[in-house]
Amino acid sequence: MEKIKEITQLILNIFKIISITCPAIGIIIFTLYCMKIHFYPPDVQISDTLVFILIAISFGMLYVLLVGLLYWANLAIFFFLYVSRVKLRPNIYYNKIKSYKFKNYKLKGIPSLSDRIIIYIYGVIAEIILLLSVYSGVFSLLKIIFVQFLMLLLYAVIFFYNNHIFIKIKRTVNQNIEKKKPDKNEKVKFNLIFILLLFLIPLVVGQFSNSLIKYSFAFCGIRQTDVSLYVDKNYFNLVLQKKINELNSQKSESDLKNPCDDNMCELEHIDILLTNVGSKTLIFIPSIENKTKGLRVELPNSAIKLNLKNYSQSN
């Protein structure tokens, strides 16, 4: 009975921690995004807490997926390099250390051939997904290569540490060094540092957070690209029409089509930078002549309506 109470209390404590950390992480991610686009939506309410929780969950899922892909890809590369360069030709690397026989030492963490084949398959699939993300412009190729290089170094360090290779090499130089049993607490701390670095390297060094934030916001419906938007006709005539005409030249104005009915006017190929949080929406209207340039407009939520019809299918 006491064990059931302890488990129940543990579950409640976990839910309490999640209920505090999830909104906090979501608010931090949301604030960083607002700083990047230089827009802070007014009238943010307590009900938006659910949105912040969804932001934290979606960003966390995407980031864990990215770290998992990097982990499997680098794990396959590491074992491939070890088997092809070290295990098959150990004398090249250990020739100078004659007093210690690495050939006869069974290293920890080296999987069997069947397990390595599975790791290679997962690694190839992960690497293909990473290359496809580079090809689609989600991540930079140079950053992916640099992050994978650092993670390979990290794998090498943890591999040497778990096999006490640094200590054994040191003993070959000075045989009088006393043998010490590995401290369990020290090993736990080292593994925690390894996991922490495994998650921090893509975030800090690779700076993959920008792309992940965009996709997590798109998943939450806060950010959308290339959509059709209905704007209140009165607001469109008073505010938007003049700005859109100033954005495009007279030659391109003839190509600009904004069909209107009695109440609403439709804008096509619009990027919604932020919506569904606060009382205003930030949109980006690209120029017809140059898609990289355009008009940033803040609109009240009451004056717009998203076209639920799939734009790609409607054309």
Protein backbone atom coordinates (compact mmCIF):
# COMPACT_ATOMS: atom_id res chain seq x y z
CA MET A 1 0.00 0.00 0.00
CA GLU A 2 2.85 2.35 0.84
CA LYS A 3 4.52 1.58 -2.50
CA ILE A 4 1.31 2.49 -4.34
CA LYS A 5 1.20 5.80 -2.47
CA GLU A 6 4.85 6.46 -3.31
CA ILE A 7 4.27 5.71 -7.00
CA THR A 8 1.14 7.88 -7.03
CA GLN A 9 3.01 10.73 -5.36
CA LEU A 10 5.87 10.35 -7.84
CA ILE A 11 3.45 10.54 -10.78
CA LEU A 12 1.80 13.63 -9.28
CA ASN A 13 5.19 15.29 -8.80
CA ILE A 14 6.11 14.53 -12.41
CA PHE A 15 2.86 16.10 -13.62
CA LYS A 16 3.51 19.15 -11.45
CA ILE A 17 6.97 19.58 -12.93
CA ILE A 18 5.63 19.16 -16.47
CA SER A 19 2.77 21.62 -15.82
CA ILE A 20 5.33 24.25 -14.79
CA THR A 21 8.17 23.58 -17.22
CA CYS A 22 6.10 23.10 -20.41
CA PRO A 23 4.44 26.55 -20.37
CA ALA A 24 7.74 28.13 -19.30
CA ILE A 25 9.65 26.52 -22.17
CA GLY A 26 6.85 27.43 -24.59
CA ILE A 27 6.92 31.07 -23.43
CA ILE A 28 10.72 31.20 -23.86
CA ILE A 29 10.51 29.76 -27.39
CA PHE A 30 7.64 32.11 -28.25
CA THR A 31 9.55 35.13 -26.91
CA LEU A 32 12.67 34.24 -28.91
CA TYR A 33 10.57 33.96 -32.06
CA CYS A 34 8.89 37.32 -31.36
CA MET A 35 12.33 38.90 -30.92
CA LYS A 36 13.40 37.50 -34.28
CA ILE A 37 10.38 38.81 -36.22
CA HIS A 38 10.23 42.05 -34.17
CA PHE A 39 6.58 41.63 -33.33
CA TYR A 40 4.90 41.14 -29.97
CA PRO A 41 1.16 40.38 -30.20
CA PRO A 42 -0.95 42.49 -27.85
CA ASP A 43 -3.62 41.21 -25.47
CA VAL A 44 -2.06 37.82 -24.76
CA GLN A 45 -4.40 36.00 -22.36
CA ILE A 46 -4.13 33.16 -19.87
CA SER A 47 -6.01 30.91 -22.30
CA ASP A 48 -2.96 31.12 -24.58
CA THR A 49 -1.11 28.92 -22.07
CA LEU A 50 -2.40 25.90 -23.97
CA VAL A 51 -0.70 27.26 -27.08
CA PHE A 52 2.59 27.63 -25.19
CA ILE A 53 2.31 24.04 -23.97
CA LEU A 54 1.69 22.88 -27.54
CA ILE A 55 4.71 24.90 -28.71
CA ALA A 56 6.94 23.24 -26.12
CA ILE A 57 5.67 19.75 -26.97
CA SER A 58 5.97 20.17 -30.76
CA PHE A 59 9.42 21.76 -30.51
CA GLY A 60 10.57 19.04 -28.11
CA MET A 61 9.34 16.27 -30.40
CA LEU A 62 11.09 17.76 -33.44
CA TYR A 63 14.30 18.35 -31.50
CA VAL A 64 14.35 14.83 -30.07
CA LEU A 65 13.78 13.52 -33.61
CA LEU A 66 16.73 15.59 -34.89
CA VAL A 67 19.02 14.44 -32.07
CA GLY A 68 17.93 10.85 -32.69
CA LEU A 69 18.80 11.12 -36.39
CA LEU A 70 22.20 12.62 -35.58
CA TYR A 71 22.80 9.97 -32.92
CA TRP A 72 22.14 7.00 -35.21
CA ALA A 73 24.01 8.53 -38.14
CA ASN A 74 27.11 9.25 -36.04
CA LEU A 75 26.92 5.94 -34.19
CA ALA A 76 27.06 4.10 -37.52
CA ILE A 77 29.96 6.27 -38.71
CA PHE A 78 31.86 5.76 -35.45
CA PHE A 79 31.63 1.96 -35.47
CA PHE A 80 32.40 1.85 -39.19
CA LEU A 81 35.57 3.89 -38.61
CA TYR A 82 36.51 1.78 -35.61
CA VAL A 83 36.10 -1.55 -37.41
CA SER A 84 37.73 -0.40 -40.65
CA ARG A 85 40.64 1.59 -39.17
CA VAL A 86 41.32 0.38 -35.64
CA LYS A 87 40.11 -3.17 -35.15
CA LEU A 88 41.46 -4.50 -38.44
CA ARG A 89 44.82 -2.71 -38.13
CA PRO A 90 45.47 -2.06 -34.43
CA ASN A 91 49.27 -1.95 -34.77
CA ILE A 92 49.04 1.38 -36.58
CA TYR A 93 47.53 3.04 -33.51
CA TYR A 94 49.04 1.05 -30.64
CA ASN A 95 52.52 0.26 -31.93
CA LYS A 96 54.15 2.72 -29.55
CA ILE A 97 52.39 1.25 -26.52
CA LYS A 98 54.23 -2.07 -26.35
CA SER A 99 53.82 -2.73 -22.64
CA TYR A 100 50.04 -3.01 -22.94
CA LYS A 101 48.40 -5.47 -25.34
CA PHE A 102 45.31 -3.84 -26.74
CA LYS A 103 44.78 -6.79 -29.05
CA ASN A 104 44.02 -9.06 -26.13
CA TYR A 105 41.83 -6.53 -24.34
CA LYS A 106 38.10 -6.88 -24.84
CA LEU A 107 36.72 -3.39 -25.34
CA LYS A 108 33.32 -2.50 -23.96
CA GLY A 109 30.59 -1.03 -26.11
CA ILE A 110 31.49 -2.80 -29.37
CA PRO A 111 28.32 -4.54 -30.62
CA SER A 112 28.28 -7.83 -32.45
CA LEU A 113 28.27 -8.03 -36.23
CA SER A 114 24.49 -8.51 -36.43
CA ASP A 115 23.91 -5.51 -34.15
CA ARG A 116 26.35 -3.41 -36.17
CA ILE A 117 24.44 -4.25 -39.35
CA ILE A 118 21.24 -2.95 -37.74
CA ILE A 119 23.08 0.18 -36.59
CA TYR A 120 24.45 0.70 -40.12
CA ILE A 121 20.95 0.39 -41.60
CA TYR A 122 19.51 2.91 -39.14
CA GLY A 123 22.53 5.16 -39.66
CA VAL A 124 22.16 5.16 -43.44
CA ILE A 125 18.44 5.95 -43.16
CA ALA A 126 19.16 8.76 -40.68
CA GLU A 127 21.90 10.19 -42.90
CA ILE A 128 19.61 10.13 -45.93
CA ILE A 129 16.92 12.02 -43.98
CA LEU A 130 19.50 14.60 -42.87
CA LEU A 131 20.74 15.06 -46.45
CA LEU A 132 17.16 15.44 -47.68
CA SER A 133 16.62 18.15 -45.06
CA VAL A 134 19.73 19.91 -46.35
CA TYR A 135 18.53 19.57 -49.95
CA SER A 136 15.14 21.06 -49.04
CA GLY A 137 16.84 24.00 -47.32
CA VAL A 138 15.84 23.13 -43.76
CA PHE A 139 19.43 22.88 -42.47
CA SER A 140 22.85 24.02 -43.67
CA LEU A 141 25.21 21.36 -45.01
CA LEU A 142 28.28 22.91 -43.36
CA LYS A 143 26.54 23.02 -39.98
CA ILE A 144 25.40 19.40 -40.31
CA ILE A 145 28.97 18.30 -41.12
CA PHE A 146 30.46 20.35 -38.26
CA VAL A 147 27.91 19.06 -35.74
CA GLN A 148 28.49 15.46 -36.81
CA PHE A 149 32.25 15.95 -36.49
CA LEU A 150 31.88 17.26 -32.92
CA MET A 151 29.52 14.44 -32.02
CA LEU A 152 32.02 11.88 -33.36
CA LEU A 153 34.66 13.38 -31.07
CA LEU A 154 32.17 13.15 -28.23
CA TYR A 155 31.55 9.46 -29.01
CA ALA A 156 35.31 8.83 -29.03
CA VAL A 157 35.72 10.46 -25.61
CA ILE A 158 32.90 8.46 -24.02
CA PHE A 159 34.21 5.28 -25.67
CA PHE A 160 37.72 5.83 -24.31
CA TYR A 161 36.34 6.71 -20.89
CA ASN A 162 34.12 3.62 -20.61
CA ASN A 163 37.07 1.40 -21.58
CA HIS A 164 39.50 3.29 -19.31
CA ILE A 165 41.87 3.70 -22.24
CA PHE A 166 43.25 6.99 -20.92
CA ILE A 167 44.14 5.33 -17.61
CA LYS A 168 45.67 2.28 -19.30
CA ILE A 169 47.79 4.43 -21.60
CA LYS A 170 48.96 6.41 -18.58
CA ARG A 171 49.93 3.18 -16.82
CA THR A 172 52.12 2.14 -19.73
CA VAL A 173 54.16 5.28 -19.22
CA ASN A 174 54.35 4.93 -15.42
CA GLN A 175 53.79 1.39 -14.14
CA ASN A 176 53.83 2.59 -10.52
CA ILE A 177 50.40 4.21 -10.77
CA GLU A 178 47.99 2.48 -8.43
CA LYS A 179 44.98 0.75 -9.92
CA LYS A 180 41.75 2.35 -8.81
CA LYS A 181 38.28 1.03 -9.22
CA PRO A 182 36.05 3.34 -11.26
CA ASP A 183 33.78 5.48 -9.14
CA LYS A 184 30.11 4.81 -9.95
CA ASN A 185 29.08 8.38 -9.13
CA GLU A 186 31.79 9.73 -11.39
CA LYS A 187 30.63 7.46 -14.20
CA VAL A 188 27.02 8.60 -13.77
CA LYS A 189 28.12 12.25 -13.88
CA PHE A 190 30.18 11.60 -17.00
CA ASN A 191 27.24 9.91 -18.75
CA LEU A 192 24.95 12.80 -17.78
CA ILE A 193 27.46 15.26 -19.23
CA PHE A 194 27.57 13.15 -22.40
CA ILE A 195 23.77 13.23 -22.77
CA LEU A 196 23.70 16.96 -22.05
CA LEU A 197 26.35 17.68 -24.69
CA LEU A 198 24.55 15.37 -27.11
CA PHE A 199 21.50 17.63 -26.90
CA LEU A 200 23.35 20.96 -26.64
CA ILE A 201 25.71 20.58 -29.61
CA PRO A 202 22.96 20.72 -32.29
CA LEU A 203 21.22 23.55 -30.44
CA VAL A 204 24.21 25.78 -29.65
CA VAL A 205 26.76 24.90 -32.33
CA GLY A 206 24.43 23.92 -35.16
CA GLN A 207 21.87 26.63 -34.36
CA PHE A 208 19.10 24.37 -35.66
CA SER A 209 16.55 25.97 -33.34
CA ASN A 210 15.44 28.56 -35.92
CA SER A 211 14.27 25.96 -38.43
CA LEU A 212 12.72 23.79 -35.72
CA ILE A 213 10.83 26.75 -34.27
CA LYS A 214 9.36 27.55 -37.68
CA TYR A 215 8.15 23.99 -38.19
CA SER A 216 6.83 23.65 -34.65
CA PHE A 217 4.93 26.94 -35.06
CA ALA A 218 3.53 25.69 -38.36
CA PHE A 219 2.43 22.51 -36.60
CA CYS A 220 0.65 24.62 -33.95
CA GLY A 221 -1.03 26.81 -36.59
CA ILE A 222 0.83 29.94 -35.45
CA ARG A 223 2.89 30.32 -38.62
CA GLN A 224 1.81 29.41 -42.16
CA THR A 225 3.32 29.97 -45.59
CA ASP A 226 1.81 30.50 -49.03
CA VAL A 227 -1.84 30.63 -48.02
CA SER A 228 -4.91 32.56 -49.10
CA LEU A 229 -6.30 35.10 -46.68
CA TYR A 230 -9.63 36.92 -46.63
CA VAL A 231 -9.49 40.51 -45.38
CA ASP A 232 -12.41 42.72 -44.48
CA LYS A 233 -13.27 44.77 -47.57
CA ASN A 234 -13.44 48.10 -45.76
CA TYR A 235 -10.10 47.49 -44.04
CA PHE A 236 -8.57 46.37 -47.33
CA ASN A 237 -9.69 49.48 -49.21
CA LEU A 238 -8.65 51.87 -46.45
CA VAL A 239 -5.28 50.36 -45.46
CA LEU A 240 -3.93 47.55 -47.64
CA GLN A 241 -4.75 48.58 -51.19
CA LYS A 242 -2.54 51.67 -51.17
CA LYS A 243 0.39 49.87 -49.52
CA ILE A 244 0.21 46.97 -51.98
CA ASN A 245 0.17 49.36 -54.93
CA GLU A 246 3.22 51.16 -53.52
CA LEU A 247 5.00 47.83 -53.13
CA ASN A 248 4.56 46.78 -56.75
CA SER A 249 5.34 48.75 -59.87
CA GLN A 250 2.71 49.80 -62.41
CA LYS A 251 3.73 46.97 -64.76
CA SER A 252 3.17 44.32 -62.11
CA GLU A 253 -0.05 45.87 -60.80
CA SER A 254 -1.89 44.42 -63.76
CA ASP A 255 -0.81 40.93 -62.58
CA LEU A 256 -2.06 41.61 -59.08
CA LYS A 257 -5.48 40.10 -58.49
CA ASN A 258 -7.39 40.66 -55.29
CA PRO A 259 -10.93 39.43 -55.91
CA CYS A 260 -13.50 40.93 -53.58
CA ASP A 261 -17.11 40.18 -52.79
CA ASP A 262 -19.53 42.25 -50.76
CA ASN A 263 -17.67 41.77 -47.47
CA MET A 264 -14.20 40.27 -47.99
CA CYS A 265 -11.18 40.58 -50.30
CA GLU A 266 -8.85 37.67 -50.97
CA LEU A 267 -5.06 37.90 -50.75
CA GLU A 268 -3.09 35.05 -52.33
CA HIS A 269 0.42 33.72 -51.60
CA ILE A 270 0.51 35.27 -48.15
CA ASP A 271 2.90 34.24 -45.37
CA ILE A 272 1.39 34.40 -41.89
CA LEU A 273 4.29 35.07 -39.53
CA LEU A 274 2.25 34.96 -36.33
CA THR A 275 -1.41 34.39 -35.55
CA ASN A 276 -3.75 32.73 -33.03
CA VAL A 277 -1.95 34.43 -30.12
CA GLY A 278 -3.11 37.83 -28.95
CA SER A 279 -5.48 40.16 -30.77
CA LYS A 280 -3.37 40.87 -33.89
CA THR A 281 -1.87 38.89 -36.74
CA LEU A 282 1.38 39.64 -38.55
CA ILE A 283 1.41 38.81 -42.26
CA PHE A 284 3.99 39.14 -45.02
CA ILE A 285 2.83 40.12 -48.52
CA PRO A 286 5.62 39.31 -51.01
CA SER A 287 6.33 41.55 -53.94
CA ILE A 288 5.38 40.22 -57.37
CA GLU A 289 8.73 41.28 -58.84
CA ASN A 290 10.93 40.06 -55.97
CA LYS A 291 9.58 37.37 -53.64
CA THR A 292 12.28 38.02 -51.02
CA LYS A 293 10.99 41.55 -50.51
CA GLY A 294 7.55 42.45 -49.38
CA LEU A 295 5.23 44.19 -46.99
CA ARG A 296 4.83 43.36 -43.31
CA VAL A 297 1.36 44.25 -42.07
CA GLU A 298 -0.26 43.94 -38.65
CA LEU A 299 -3.95 43.12 -38.92
CA PRO A 300 -6.59 42.76 -36.20
CA ASN A 301 -7.87 39.21 -35.94
CA SER A 302 -11.42 40.44 -36.44
CA ALA A 303 -10.55 41.76 -39.92
CA ILE A 304 -9.13 38.55 -41.39
CA LYS A 305 -10.23 35.04 -42.16
CA LEU A 306 -8.00 32.21 -43.33
CA ASN A 307 -9.08 30.47 -46.50
CA LEU A 308 -9.54 26.87 -45.39
CA LYS A 309 -9.47 25.65 -48.97
CA ASN A 310 -6.13 24.13 -49.96
CA TYR A 311 -4.46 26.76 -52.11
CA SER A 312 -2.29 24.34 -54.05
CA GLN A 313 -5.35 22.32 -55.05
CA SER A 314 -7.41 25.37 -55.94
CA ASN A 315 -4.90 26.35 -58.58
